[in-house]
């Protein structure tokens, strides 16, 4: 997409929630953006009657809504439905349209489990933790005769999700399962990292000493922890905390408590967003 786009239809007062992408949209242009940026996740189920009704009622695009409803009734493909929306809005260049259509066609050849795996990975990377858990749980329960390496990959991702929620005991459990099933070094590093966060320094040293396979990888983990610490020192979060110290050391206590309250509120909102 390049240049300015003249908006089509109204800006919705009531947003539409794209469940597969974990995103609320307010305009037809936002829908076009979601289609082009996430074409690998989209199939015919993405275009349901509720979305079509929203396009007509909330955005005032009755003609487009009627066209899409007819296409859904006739079981048109995700490629055709996407192209109808993108062409109607004039959102994409020809090259972008061709690329989106190609991705959609390739996606049609994926089975349901491949699609849900891609969706789960996408949701995890976007920080939609609860939805990602749901997709991974579905795969574990329903994927027939799952390859051990695929199971290990899912268990590793579940460990990552629990670590994001600071539930290090659960994270350690799933990283260990992933290591047992797949033997990947990254899974054992995750297991060690979770143990390190759970234990006192003395307990962790004793744990590493009693597990031969942990010794060499523990050195690699410490190197990564040191690198992460250096990155944190330069981060915006650390800069905020240093600013707080300046307020306190300068006896600007009212500004100090106001900033503490603001940062705490932001952190709470971010955490609520992760677990919703």
Foldseek 3Di string as FASTA:
>chain_A
DDDDFDFAFDFFPDWDQQLLQRDTGGGLLVVLVCLLVPLLLDWLVSDDLVVLVCCCPGRVPVVLSVVLVVCVVVVHIPLVNSCSSCVVRVNDDPVSNVVSSVSNVVSVPDDPLVSLVVSLVSCVVVLQLVVSVVSLVCCVPPPPPDQLQVQLVSLQSVLVSCVVLVVLVSSLVSLVSSCVSPVDLVSVLSNLVSVPSVDDPVVSVVVCVVDVVNVVSVVVSVVVVVVVVVVVCPDPVVVLVVVLVVCVVVVVVVVNVVSVVVVVVVVVVSSVSNND
